[in-house]
Amino acid sequence: MRKGLSEISTKMNVLISLSLRQLIGDKEFHNSGKRKQRIGEQARYLAAMGLESRDIAKIIGAPLSSVRTLLTPSRKR
């Protein structure tokens, strides 16, 4: 049962990630070495929707530690 839920969660994260990329017009699927723009906005938006930091990191393709840092209250502008 737990393995099935984990699989569903992974697939949902992929679908959310693809939808988010389409909404923001991101056509790059590989790491070009450039710093991604608006990651903080995306992380805060997904957190406001109730997603956990671990899932947000997977969706936006950022390290978990970076997402946690972005979501700390002192980082909001």
N, C-alpha and C. Protein backbone atom coordinates (compact mmCIF):
# COMPACT_ATOMS: atom_id res chain seq x y z
N MET A 1 0.82 -1.20 0.00
CA MET A 1 0.00 0.00 0.00
C MET A 1 0.87 1.26 0.00
N ARG A 2 1.87 1.29 0.89
CA ARG A 2 2.74 2.46 1.00
C ARG A 2 3.50 2.71 -0.30
N LYS A 3 3.96 1.61 -0.95
CA LYS A 3 4.69 1.74 -2.20
C LYS A 3 3.78 2.32 -3.29
N GLY A 4 2.53 1.90 -3.30
CA GLY A 4 1.56 2.42 -4.27
C GLY A 4 1.33 3.91 -4.09
N LEU A 5 1.21 4.35 -2.85
CA LEU A 5 1.01 5.77 -2.58
C LEU A 5 2.24 6.59 -2.98
N SER A 6 3.41 6.04 -2.74
CA SER A 6 4.64 6.72 -3.13
C SER A 6 4.73 6.87 -4.65
N GLU A 7 4.32 5.83 -5.36
CA GLU A 7 4.32 5.88 -6.82
C GLU A 7 3.34 6.94 -7.33
N ILE A 8 2.16 6.96 -6.75
CA ILE A 8 1.15 7.95 -7.14
C ILE A 8 1.65 9.35 -6.86
N SER A 9 2.28 9.55 -5.70
CA SER A 9 2.82 10.86 -5.34
C SER A 9 3.88 11.31 -6.34
N THR A 10 4.75 10.39 -6.73
CA THR A 10 5.80 10.73 -7.70
C THR A 10 5.18 11.13 -9.04
N LYS A 11 4.20 10.38 -9.48
CA LYS A 11 3.56 10.69 -10.76
C LYS A 11 2.82 12.02 -10.71
N MET A 12 2.18 12.30 -9.59
CA MET A 12 1.49 13.59 -9.44
C MET A 12 2.49 14.74 -9.46
N ASN A 13 3.65 14.56 -8.81
CA ASN A 13 4.68 15.60 -8.82
C ASN A 13 5.15 15.88 -10.25
N VAL A 14 5.28 14.83 -11.05
CA VAL A 14 5.70 15.02 -12.44
C VAL A 14 4.64 15.81 -13.20
N LEU A 15 3.38 15.46 -13.02
CA LEU A 15 2.31 16.18 -13.71
C LEU A 15 2.24 17.65 -13.28
N ILE A 16 2.39 17.90 -12.00
CA ILE A 16 2.39 19.28 -11.50
C ILE A 16 3.57 20.04 -12.08
N SER A 17 4.73 19.40 -12.12
CA SER A 17 5.93 20.04 -12.64
C SER A 17 5.75 20.40 -14.11
N LEU A 18 5.23 19.48 -14.90
CA LEU A 18 5.01 19.76 -16.32
C LEU A 18 3.99 20.87 -16.53
N SER A 19 2.93 20.87 -15.73
CA SER A 19 1.92 21.93 -15.83
C SER A 19 2.51 23.28 -15.46
N LEU A 20 3.30 23.31 -14.39
CA LEU A 20 3.92 24.56 -13.95
C LEU A 20 4.87 25.08 -15.02
N ARG A 21 5.67 24.21 -15.61
CA ARG A 21 6.60 24.62 -16.67
C ARG A 21 5.83 25.21 -17.85
N GLN A 22 4.71 24.59 -18.20
CA GLN A 22 3.91 25.10 -19.31
C GLN A 22 3.34 26.48 -18.99
N LEU A 23 2.87 26.65 -17.75
CA LEU A 23 2.29 27.93 -17.36
C LEU A 23 3.30 29.07 -17.39
N ILE A 24 4.54 28.79 -17.00
CA ILE A 24 5.54 29.86 -16.97
C ILE A 24 6.37 29.93 -18.25
N GLY A 25 6.09 29.03 -19.21
CA GLY A 25 6.77 29.07 -20.49
C GLY A 25 8.18 28.52 -20.47
N ASP A 26 8.49 27.65 -19.53
CA ASP A 26 9.83 27.06 -19.43
C ASP A 26 9.93 25.89 -20.40
N LYS A 27 10.80 26.02 -21.39
CA LYS A 27 10.94 24.97 -22.39
C LYS A 27 12.23 24.18 -22.22
N GLU A 28 13.00 24.49 -21.19
CA GLU A 28 14.27 23.81 -20.94
C GLU A 28 14.06 22.66 -19.96
N PHE A 29 14.41 21.45 -20.40
CA PHE A 29 14.26 20.30 -19.53
C PHE A 29 15.59 19.77 -19.03
N HIS A 30 16.66 20.44 -19.34
CA HIS A 30 17.96 20.03 -18.84
C HIS A 30 18.55 21.17 -18.05
N ASN A 31 19.50 20.84 -17.22
CA ASN A 31 20.15 21.85 -16.39
C ASN A 31 21.21 22.56 -17.22
N SER A 32 20.97 23.80 -17.55
CA SER A 32 21.90 24.56 -18.38
C SER A 32 23.00 25.23 -17.57
N GLY A 33 22.96 25.06 -16.26
CA GLY A 33 23.96 25.69 -15.41
C GLY A 33 23.57 27.09 -14.98
N LYS A 34 22.54 27.65 -15.62
CA LYS A 34 22.06 28.98 -15.26
C LYS A 34 21.18 28.88 -14.03
N ARG A 35 21.17 29.95 -13.27
CA ARG A 35 20.31 30.02 -12.10
C ARG A 35 18.87 30.23 -12.57
N LYS A 36 17.95 29.43 -12.05
CA LYS A 36 16.55 29.55 -12.44
C LYS A 36 15.95 30.80 -11.82
N GLN A 37 15.09 31.44 -12.58
CA GLN A 37 14.42 32.65 -12.12
C GLN A 37 13.07 32.29 -11.49
N ARG A 38 12.64 33.08 -10.55
CA ARG A 38 11.33 32.99 -9.91
C ARG A 38 11.11 31.70 -9.13
N ILE A 39 12.17 31.03 -8.70
CA ILE A 39 12.03 29.80 -7.92
C ILE A 39 11.35 30.10 -6.59
N GLY A 40 11.71 31.22 -5.96
CA GLY A 40 11.11 31.59 -4.68
C GLY A 40 9.62 31.80 -4.79
N GLU A 41 9.19 32.48 -5.86
CA GLU A 41 7.76 32.70 -6.08
C GLU A 41 7.03 31.38 -6.24
N GLN A 42 7.62 30.50 -7.04
CA GLN A 42 7.00 29.19 -7.27
C GLN A 42 6.93 28.38 -5.99
N ALA A 43 7.99 28.38 -5.22
CA ALA A 43 8.03 27.62 -3.97
C ALA A 43 6.97 28.14 -3.00
N ARG A 44 6.86 29.45 -2.86
CA ARG A 44 5.87 30.02 -1.95
C ARG A 44 4.44 29.73 -2.43
N TYR A 45 4.23 29.78 -3.73
CA TYR A 45 2.90 29.48 -4.29
C TYR A 45 2.51 28.04 -3.97
N LEU A 46 3.42 27.11 -4.24
CA LEU A 46 3.12 25.69 -4.00
C LEU A 46 2.96 25.41 -2.50
N ALA A 47 3.73 26.09 -1.67
CA ALA A 47 3.59 25.92 -0.22
C ALA A 47 2.22 26.44 0.24
N ALA A 48 1.77 27.53 -0.34
CA ALA A 48 0.47 28.08 0.01
C ALA A 48 -0.66 27.13 -0.40
N MET A 49 -0.41 26.30 -1.40
CA MET A 49 -1.39 25.31 -1.84
C MET A 49 -1.36 24.06 -0.97
N GLY A 50 -0.44 24.02 0.01
CA GLY A 50 -0.41 22.92 0.96
C GLY A 50 0.61 21.84 0.69
N LEU A 51 1.49 22.04 -0.29
CA LEU A 51 2.50 21.02 -0.58
C LEU A 51 3.66 21.11 0.42
N GLU A 52 4.28 19.98 0.69
CA GLU A 52 5.42 19.94 1.59
C GLU A 52 6.69 20.33 0.85
N SER A 53 7.69 20.77 1.60
CA SER A 53 8.97 21.20 1.02
C SER A 53 9.59 20.13 0.14
N ARG A 54 9.51 18.88 0.58
CA ARG A 54 10.10 17.77 -0.18
C ARG A 54 9.47 17.67 -1.57
N ASP A 55 8.15 17.78 -1.64
CA ASP A 55 7.46 17.71 -2.92
C ASP A 55 7.73 18.93 -3.78
N ILE A 56 7.78 20.10 -3.15
CA ILE A 56 8.07 21.33 -3.87
C ILE A 56 9.45 21.25 -4.53
N ALA A 57 10.43 20.75 -3.80
CA ALA A 57 11.78 20.62 -4.34
C ALA A 57 11.80 19.72 -5.58
N LYS A 58 11.06 18.62 -5.52
CA LYS A 58 10.99 17.72 -6.67
C LYS A 58 10.29 18.38 -7.85
N ILE A 59 9.24 19.12 -7.58
CA ILE A 59 8.46 19.74 -8.65
C ILE A 59 9.25 20.83 -9.36
N ILE A 60 9.90 21.70 -8.61
CA ILE A 60 10.60 22.82 -9.25
C ILE A 60 12.05 22.50 -9.58
N GLY A 61 12.52 21.33 -9.18
CA GLY A 61 13.87 20.91 -9.53
C GLY A 61 14.96 21.65 -8.77
N ALA A 62 14.69 21.97 -7.54
CA ALA A 62 15.66 22.68 -6.70
C ALA A 62 16.04 21.79 -5.52
N PRO A 63 17.22 22.00 -4.95
CA PRO A 63 17.60 21.22 -3.77
C PRO A 63 16.64 21.49 -2.60
N LEU A 64 16.38 20.46 -1.82
CA LEU A 64 15.47 20.58 -0.69
C LEU A 64 15.92 21.67 0.28
N SER A 65 17.22 21.76 0.53
CA SER A 65 17.71 22.79 1.46
C SER A 65 17.42 24.20 0.93
N SER A 66 17.51 24.39 -0.37
CA SER A 66 17.20 25.70 -0.95
C SER A 66 15.73 26.04 -0.80
N VAL A 67 14.89 25.07 -1.02
CA VAL A 67 13.44 25.30 -0.88
C VAL A 67 13.11 25.65 0.56
N ARG A 68 13.69 24.92 1.50
CA ARG A 68 13.43 25.22 2.91
C ARG A 68 13.90 26.62 3.28
N THR A 69 15.04 27.02 2.74
CA THR A 69 15.55 28.37 2.99
C THR A 69 14.61 29.41 2.40
N LEU A 70 14.15 29.17 1.19
CA LEU A 70 13.24 30.11 0.54
C LEU A 70 11.91 30.25 1.28
N LEU A 71 11.50 29.20 1.95
CA LEU A 71 10.21 29.22 2.63
C LEU A 71 10.28 29.71 4.07
N THR A 72 11.47 30.05 4.57
CA THR A 72 11.56 30.57 5.92
C THR A 72 10.94 31.98 5.94
N PRO A 73 10.23 32.33 7.00
CA PRO A 73 9.54 33.61 7.05
C PRO A 73 10.44 34.84 6.83
N SER A 74 11.68 34.79 7.24
CA SER A 74 12.56 35.95 7.09
C SER A 74 12.97 36.18 5.64
N ARG A 75 12.78 35.20 4.76
CA ARG A 75 13.17 35.33 3.35
C ARG A 75 12.08 35.98 2.49
N LYS A 76 10.86 36.09 3.02
CA LYS A 76 9.77 36.68 2.24
C LYS A 76 10.01 38.16 2.05
N ARG A 77 9.68 38.63 0.89
CA ARG A 77 9.87 40.07 0.59
C ARG A 77 8.58 40.74 0.33
